[in-house]
Amino acid sequence: MPVPVLADRVVPYHLTFQDLQLHGAVAQLLYAAIDAGIASGMPAEAVEFVRTKSRPWFGSAAEGTRSPRRIRC
């Protein structure tokens, strides 16, 4: 159902894109910053995973971490 709005309250948003504008560049910068933030935590998370959750190679004599989902033969 349409909502009545006074004409002086309507923003002509479509006119924003007729000339050069920064919306695309700002959006790309925002997403690049988000990706950089995620990537900055990745090395520490990878080290933590390898130290606490990974399993040794099947032929190795090393003892792996205890996992409740691992089946022992």
PDB file of N, CA and C in Angstrom:
ATOM      1  N   MET A   1       0.846  -1.165   0.000  1.00  0.00           N
ATOM      2  CA  MET A   1       0.000   0.000   0.000  1.00  0.00           C
ATOM      3  C   MET A   1       0.898   1.236   0.000  1.00  0.00           C
ATOM      4  N   PRO A   2       0.705   2.147  -0.926  1.00  0.00           N
ATOM      5  CA  PRO A   2       1.524   3.356  -1.005  1.00  0.00           C
ATOM      6  C   PRO A   2       1.334   4.252   0.227  1.00  0.00           C
ATOM      7  N   VAL A   3       2.401   4.915   0.581  1.00  0.00           N
ATOM      8  CA  VAL A   3       2.364   5.857   1.701  1.00  0.00           C
ATOM      9  C   VAL A   3       2.489   7.258   1.129  1.00  0.00           C
ATOM     10  N   PRO A   4       1.571   8.153   1.483  1.00  0.00           N
ATOM     11  CA  PRO A   4       1.666   9.518   0.964  1.00  0.00           C
ATOM     12  C   PRO A   4       2.874  10.259   1.554  1.00  0.00           C
ATOM     13  N   VAL A   5       3.639  10.929   0.663  1.00  0.00           N
ATOM     14  CA  VAL A   5       4.812  11.688   1.076  1.00  0.00           C
ATOM     15  C   VAL A   5       4.742  13.048   0.402  1.00  0.00           C
ATOM     16  N   LEU A   6       5.044  14.091   1.165  1.00  0.00           N
ATOM     17  CA  LEU A   6       5.058  15.436   0.597  1.00  0.00           C
ATOM     18  C   LEU A   6       6.191  15.558  -0.419  1.00  0.00           C
ATOM     19  N   ALA A   7       5.961  16.325  -1.476  1.00  0.00           N
ATOM     20  CA  ALA A   7       6.938  16.438  -2.564  1.00  0.00           C
ATOM     21  C   ALA A   7       8.273  16.999  -2.086  1.00  0.00           C
ATOM     22  N   ASP A   8       8.266  17.893  -1.106  1.00  0.00           N
ATOM     23  CA  ASP A   8       9.534  18.468  -0.636  1.00  0.00           C
ATOM     24  C   ASP A   8      10.317  17.498   0.258  1.00  0.00           C
ATOM     25  N   ARG A   9       9.741  16.342   0.554  1.00  0.00           N
ATOM     26  CA  ARG A   9      10.411  15.317   1.360  1.00  0.00           C
ATOM     27  C   ARG A   9      10.993  14.189   0.511  1.00  0.00           C
ATOM     28  N   VAL A  10      10.801  14.236  -0.787  1.00  0.00           N
ATOM     29  CA  VAL A  10      11.298  13.200  -1.690  1.00  0.00           C
ATOM     30  C   VAL A  10      12.721  13.569  -2.127  1.00  0.00           C
ATOM     31  N   VAL A  11      13.642  12.625  -1.983  1.00  0.00           N
ATOM     32  CA  VAL A  11      15.033  12.826  -2.380  1.00  0.00           C
ATOM     33  C   VAL A  11      15.226  12.230  -3.773  1.00  0.00           C
ATOM     34  N   PRO A  12      15.704  13.007  -4.724  1.00  0.00           N
ATOM     35  CA  PRO A  12      15.914  12.480  -6.078  1.00  0.00           C
ATOM     36  C   PRO A  12      17.198  11.655  -6.162  1.00  0.00           C
ATOM     37  N   TYR A  13      17.183  10.492  -5.546  1.00  0.00           N
ATOM     38  CA  TYR A  13      18.370   9.641  -5.445  1.00  0.00           C
ATOM     39  C   TYR A  13      18.894   9.223  -6.817  1.00  0.00           C
ATOM     40  N   HIS A  14      18.020   9.033  -7.775  1.00  0.00           N
ATOM     41  CA  HIS A  14      18.449   8.594  -9.104  1.00  0.00           C
ATOM     42  C   HIS A  14      19.355   9.616  -9.786  1.00  0.00           C
ATOM     43  N   LEU A  15      19.276  10.880  -9.399  1.00  0.00           N
ATOM     44  CA  LEU A  15      20.124  11.905 -10.001  1.00  0.00           C
ATOM     45  C   LEU A  15      21.578  11.777  -9.544  1.00  0.00           C
ATOM     46  N   THR A  16      21.799  11.069  -8.477  1.00  0.00           N
ATOM     47  CA  THR A  16      23.153  10.875  -7.964  1.00  0.00           C
ATOM     48  C   THR A  16      24.042  10.187  -8.992  1.00  0.00           C
ATOM     49  N   PHE A  17      23.475   9.326  -9.796  1.00  0.00           N
ATOM     50  CA  PHE A  17      24.256   8.500 -10.710  1.00  0.00           C
ATOM     51  C   PHE A  17      24.367   9.076 -12.110  1.00  0.00           C
ATOM     52  N   GLN A  18      23.918  10.305 -12.324  1.00  0.00           N
ATOM     53  CA  GLN A  18      24.049  10.909 -13.649  1.00  0.00           C
ATOM     54  C   GLN A  18      25.452  11.452 -13.889  1.00  0.00           C
ATOM     55  N   ASP A  19      26.135  11.875 -12.867  1.00  0.00           N
ATOM     56  CA  ASP A  19      27.494  12.401 -12.981  1.00  0.00           C
ATOM     57  C   ASP A  19      28.457  11.433 -12.297  1.00  0.00           C
ATOM     58  N   LEU A  20      29.724  11.784 -12.303  1.00  0.00           N
ATOM     59  CA  LEU A  20      30.718  10.987 -11.604  1.00  0.00           C
ATOM     60  C   LEU A  20      30.410  10.969 -10.113  1.00  0.00           C
ATOM     61  N   GLN A  21      30.607   9.828  -9.505  1.00  0.00           N
ATOM     62  CA  GLN A  21      30.328   9.702  -8.077  1.00  0.00           C
ATOM     63  C   GLN A  21      31.277   8.681  -7.471  1.00  0.00           C
ATOM     64  N   LEU A  22      31.327   8.613  -6.144  1.00  0.00           N
ATOM     65  CA  LEU A  22      32.281   7.767  -5.452  1.00  0.00           C
ATOM     66  C   LEU A  22      31.670   6.520  -4.829  1.00  0.00           C
ATOM     67  N   HIS A  23      30.409   6.247  -5.072  1.00  0.00           N
ATOM     68  CA  HIS A  23      29.762   5.105  -4.406  1.00  0.00           C
ATOM     69  C   HIS A  23      30.496   3.792  -4.662  1.00  0.00           C
ATOM     70  N   GLY A  24      30.855   3.524  -5.900  1.00  0.00           N
ATOM     71  CA  GLY A  24      31.537   2.267  -6.229  1.00  0.00           C
ATOM     72  C   GLY A  24      32.908   2.174  -5.584  1.00  0.00           C
ATOM     73  N   ALA A  25      33.678   3.271  -5.633  1.00  0.00           N
ATOM     74  CA  ALA A  25      35.017   3.266  -5.050  1.00  0.00           C
ATOM     75  C   ALA A  25      34.960   3.105  -3.534  1.00  0.00           C
ATOM     76  N   VAL A  26      34.025   3.778  -2.899  1.00  0.00           N
ATOM     77  CA  VAL A  26      33.897   3.676  -1.444  1.00  0.00           C
ATOM     78  C   VAL A  26      33.471   2.260  -1.055  1.00  0.00           C
ATOM     79  N   ALA A  27      32.570   1.664  -1.813  1.00  0.00           N
ATOM     80  CA  ALA A  27      32.137   0.294  -1.525  1.00  0.00           C
ATOM     81  C   ALA A  27      33.306  -0.678  -1.678  1.00  0.00           C
ATOM     82  N   GLN A  28      34.118  -0.519  -2.720  1.00  0.00           N
ATOM     83  CA  GLN A  28      35.271  -1.397  -2.909  1.00  0.00           C
ATOM     84  C   GLN A  28      36.284  -1.217  -1.785  1.00  0.00           C
ATOM     85  N   LEU A  29      36.483   0.010  -1.346  1.00  0.00           N
ATOM     86  CA  LEU A  29      37.409   0.263  -0.239  1.00  0.00           C
ATOM     87  C   LEU A  29      36.900  -0.389   1.048  1.00  0.00           C
ATOM     88  N   LEU A  30      35.611  -0.291   1.282  1.00  0.00           N
ATOM     89  CA  LEU A  30      35.014  -0.912   2.466  1.00  0.00           C
ATOM     90  C   LEU A  30      35.207  -2.428   2.436  1.00  0.00           C
ATOM     91  N   TYR A  31      34.898  -3.064   1.319  1.00  0.00           N
ATOM     92  CA  TYR A  31      35.031  -4.515   1.230  1.00  0.00           C
ATOM     93  C   TYR A  31      36.496  -4.955   1.296  1.00  0.00           C
ATOM     94  N   ALA A  32      37.401  -4.155   0.736  1.00  0.00           N
ATOM     95  CA  ALA A  32      38.826  -4.475   0.833  1.00  0.00           C
ATOM     96  C   ALA A  32      39.288  -4.397   2.288  1.00  0.00           C
ATOM     97  N   ALA A  33      38.779  -3.420   3.035  1.00  0.00           N
ATOM     98  CA  ALA A  33      39.136  -3.309   4.451  1.00  0.00           C
ATOM     99  C   ALA A  33      38.599  -4.489   5.242  1.00  0.00           C
ATOM    100  N   ILE A  34      37.396  -4.936   4.924  1.00  0.00           N
ATOM    101  CA  ILE A  34      36.828  -6.109   5.594  1.00  0.00           C
ATOM    102  C   ILE A  34      37.674  -7.346   5.284  1.00  0.00           C
ATOM    103  N   ASP A  35      38.018  -7.535   4.014  1.00  0.00           N
ATOM    104  CA  ASP A  35      38.848  -8.683   3.632  1.00  0.00           C
ATOM    105  C   ASP A  35      40.219  -8.622   4.291  1.00  0.00           C
ATOM    106  N   ALA A  36      40.809  -7.430   4.375  1.00  0.00           N
ATOM    107  CA  ALA A  36      42.117  -7.283   5.014  1.00  0.00           C
ATOM    108  C   ALA A  36      42.029  -7.611   6.505  1.00  0.00           C
ATOM    109  N   GLY A  37      40.932  -7.212   7.135  1.00  0.00           N
ATOM    110  CA  GLY A  37      40.746  -7.530   8.550  1.00  0.00           C
ATOM    111  C   GLY A  37      40.619  -9.025   8.777  1.00  0.00           C
ATOM    112  N   ILE A  38      39.875  -9.686   7.917  1.00  0.00           N
ATOM    113  CA  ILE A  38      39.728 -11.141   8.024  1.00  0.00           C
ATOM    114  C   ILE A  38      41.081 -11.811   7.785  1.00  0.00           C
ATOM    115  N   ALA A  39      41.790 -11.369   6.753  1.00  0.00           N
ATOM    116  CA  ALA A  39      43.075 -11.977   6.413  1.00  0.00           C
ATOM    117  C   ALA A  39      44.128 -11.736   7.489  1.00  0.00           C
ATOM    118  N   SER A  40      44.031 -10.623   8.208  1.00  0.00           N
ATOM    119  CA  SER A  40      45.055 -10.342   9.228  1.00  0.00           C
ATOM    120  C   SER A  40      44.989 -11.327  10.388  1.00  0.00           C
ATOM    121  N   GLY A  41      43.833 -11.900  10.642  1.00  0.00           N
ATOM    122  CA  GLY A  41      43.703 -12.877  11.712  1.00  0.00           C
ATOM    123  C   GLY A  41      43.972 -14.301  11.279  1.00  0.00           C
ATOM    124  N   MET A  42      44.107 -14.518   9.973  1.00  0.00           N
ATOM    125  CA  MET A  42      44.254 -15.866   9.444  1.00  0.00           C
ATOM    126  C   MET A  42      45.523 -16.580   9.889  1.00  0.00           C
ATOM    127  N   PRO A  43      46.707 -15.958   9.880  1.00  0.00           N
ATOM    128  CA  PRO A  43      47.903 -16.718  10.279  1.00  0.00           C
ATOM    129  C   PRO A  43      47.813 -17.263  11.707  1.00  0.00           C
ATOM    130  N   ALA A  44      47.359 -16.457  12.632  1.00  0.00           N
ATOM    131  CA  ALA A  44      47.244 -16.916  14.021  1.00  0.00           C
ATOM    132  C   ALA A  44      46.224 -18.044  14.144  1.00  0.00           C
ATOM    133  N   GLU A  45      45.118 -17.927  13.428  1.00  0.00           N
ATOM    134  CA  GLU A  45      44.100 -18.979  13.456  1.00  0.00           C
ATOM    135  C   GLU A  45      44.633 -20.269  12.839  1.00  0.00           C
ATOM    136  N   ALA A  46      45.410 -20.154  11.771  1.00  0.00           N
ATOM    137  CA  ALA A  46      45.980 -21.349  11.134  1.00  0.00           C
ATOM    138  C   ALA A  46      46.961 -22.049  12.071  1.00  0.00           C
ATOM    139  N   VAL A  47      47.793 -21.280  12.747  1.00  0.00           N
ATOM    140  CA  VAL A  47      48.742 -21.871  13.697  1.00  0.00           C
ATOM    141  C   VAL A  47      47.988 -22.557  14.830  1.00  0.00           C
ATOM    142  N   GLU A  48      46.971 -21.904  15.348  1.00  0.00           N
ATOM    143  CA  GLU A  48      46.173 -22.490  16.440  1.00  0.00           C
ATOM    144  C   GLU A  48      45.507 -23.776  15.983  1.00  0.00           C
ATOM    145  N   PHE A  49      44.989 -23.803  14.763  1.00  0.00           N
ATOM    146  CA  PHE A  49      44.340 -25.002  14.240  1.00  0.00           C
ATOM    147  C   PHE A  49      45.342 -26.148  14.115  1.00  0.00           C
ATOM    148  N   VAL A  50      46.509 -25.859  13.544  1.00  0.00           N
ATOM    149  CA  VAL A  50      47.513 -26.903  13.344  1.00  0.00           C
ATOM    150  C   VAL A  50      47.992 -27.453  14.682  1.00  0.00           C
ATOM    151  N   ARG A  51      48.148 -26.592  15.669  1.00  0.00           N
ATOM    152  CA  ARG A  51      48.645 -27.034  16.970  1.00  0.00           C
ATOM    153  C   ARG A  51      47.616 -27.795  17.788  1.00  0.00           C
ATOM    154  N   THR A  52      46.332 -27.512  17.608  1.00  0.00           N
ATOM    155  CA  THR A  52      45.321 -28.107  18.488  1.00  0.00           C
ATOM    156  C   THR A  52      44.356 -29.071  17.814  1.00  0.00           C
ATOM    157  N   LYS A  53      44.187 -28.997  16.502  1.00  0.00           N
ATOM    158  CA  LYS A  53      43.145 -29.811  15.872  1.00  0.00           C
ATOM    159  C   LYS A  53      43.622 -30.698  14.739  1.00  0.00           C
ATOM    160  N   SER A  54      44.822 -30.460  14.230  1.00  0.00           N
ATOM    161  CA  SER A  54      45.266 -31.253  13.082  1.00  0.00           C
ATOM    162  C   SER A  54      45.761 -32.622  13.529  1.00  0.00           C
ATOM    163  N   ARG A  55      45.856 -33.514  12.579  1.00  0.00           N
ATOM    164  CA  ARG A  55      46.307 -34.882  12.849  1.00  0.00           C
ATOM    165  C   ARG A  55      47.605 -35.129  12.105  1.00  0.00           C
ATOM    166  N   PRO A  56      48.486 -35.959  12.655  1.00  0.00           N
ATOM    167  CA  PRO A  56      49.751 -36.242  11.963  1.00  0.00           C
ATOM    168  C   PRO A  56      49.505 -37.103  10.718  1.00  0.00           C
ATOM    169  N   TRP A  57      50.483 -37.130   9.854  1.00  0.00           N
ATOM    170  CA  TRP A  57      50.430 -37.977   8.665  1.00  0.00           C
ATOM    171  C   TRP A  57      50.272 -39.429   9.107  1.00  0.00           C
ATOM    172  N   PHE A  58      49.515 -40.249   8.370  1.00  0.00           N
ATOM    173  CA  PHE A  58      49.187 -41.609   8.812  1.00  0.00           C
ATOM    174  C   PHE A  58      50.406 -42.485   9.042  1.00  0.00           C
ATOM    175  N   GLY A  59      51.498 -42.214   8.375  1.00  0.00           N
ATOM    176  CA  GLY A  59      52.691 -43.017   8.547  1.00  0.00           C
ATOM    177  C   GLY A  59      53.629 -42.498   9.622  1.00  0.00           C
ATOM    178  N   SER A  60      53.249 -41.384  10.247  1.00  0.00           N
ATOM    179  CA  SER A  60      54.124 -40.753  11.233  1.00  0.00           C
ATOM    180  C   SER A  60      53.985 -41.429  12.594  1.00  0.00           C
ATOM    181  N   ALA A  61      55.043 -41.366  13.379  1.00  0.00           N
ATOM    182  CA  ALA A  61      54.999 -41.911  14.734  1.00  0.00           C
ATOM    183  C   ALA A  61      54.509 -40.870  15.729  1.00  0.00           C
ATOM    184  N   ALA A  62      54.264 -39.649  15.269  1.00  0.00           N
ATOM    185  CA  ALA A  62      53.820 -38.574  16.163  1.00  0.00           C
ATOM    186  C   ALA A  62      52.399 -38.826  16.644  1.00  0.00           C
ATOM    187  N   GLU A  63      52.129 -38.373  17.844  1.00  0.00           N
ATOM    188  CA  GLU A  63      50.781 -38.495  18.419  1.00  0.00           C
ATOM    189  C   GLU A  63      49.975 -37.253  18.045  1.00  0.00           C
ATOM    190  N   GLY A  64      48.778 -37.441  17.568  1.00  0.00           N
ATOM    191  CA  GLY A  64      47.920 -36.325  17.191  1.00  0.00           C
ATOM    192  C   GLY A  64      47.094 -35.828  18.360  1.00  0.00           C
ATOM    193  N   THR A  65      46.286 -34.839  18.106  1.00  0.00           N
ATOM    194  CA  THR A  65      45.400 -34.329  19.141  1.00  0.00           C
ATOM    195  C   THR A  65      44.249 -35.300  19.348  1.00  0.00           C
ATOM    196  N   ARG A  66      43.673 -35.252  20.501  1.00  0.00           N
ATOM    197  CA  ARG A  66      42.519 -36.114  20.797  1.00  0.00           C
ATOM    198  C   ARG A  66      41.268 -35.498  20.195  1.00  0.00           C
ATOM    199  N   SER A  67      40.622 -36.241  19.339  1.00  0.00           N
ATOM    200  CA  SER A  67      39.408 -35.770  18.705  1.00  0.00           C
ATOM    201  C   SER A  67      38.282 -36.758  18.998  1.00  0.00           C
ATOM    202  N   PRO A  68      37.130 -36.295  19.482  1.00  0.00           N
ATOM    203  CA  PRO A  68      36.029 -37.216  19.759  1.00  0.00           C
ATOM    204  C   PRO A  68      35.457 -37.863  18.497  1.00  0.00           C
ATOM    205  N   ARG A  69      35.736 -37.277  17.327  1.00  0.00           N
ATOM    206  CA  ARG A  69      35.211 -37.838  16.078  1.00  0.00           C
ATOM    207  C   ARG A  69      36.193 -38.781  15.402  1.00  0.00           C
ATOM    208  N   ARG A  70      37.363 -38.940  15.977  1.00  0.00           N
ATOM    209  CA  ARG A  70      38.365 -39.815  15.358  1.00  0.00           C
ATOM    210  C   ARG A  70      38.130 -41.250  15.797  1.00  0.00           C
ATOM    211  N   ILE A  71      38.142 -42.156  14.857  1.00  0.00           N
ATOM    212  CA  ILE A  71      37.925 -43.583  15.153  1.00  0.00           C
ATOM    213  C   ILE A  71      39.288 -44.252  15.271  1.00  0.00           C
ATOM    214  N   ARG A  72      39.490 -44.927  16.365  1.00  0.00           N
ATOM    215  CA  ARG A  72      40.750 -45.657  16.558  1.00  0.00           C
ATOM    216  C   ARG A  72      40.542 -47.101  16.138  1.00  0.00           C
ATOM    217  N   CYS A  73      41.515 -47.644  15.414  1.00  0.00           N
ATOM    218  CA  CYS A  73      41.417 -49.043  14.957  1.00  0.00           C
ATOM    219  C   CYS A  73      42.240 -49.949  15.850  1.00  0.00           C
TER     220      CYS A  73
END
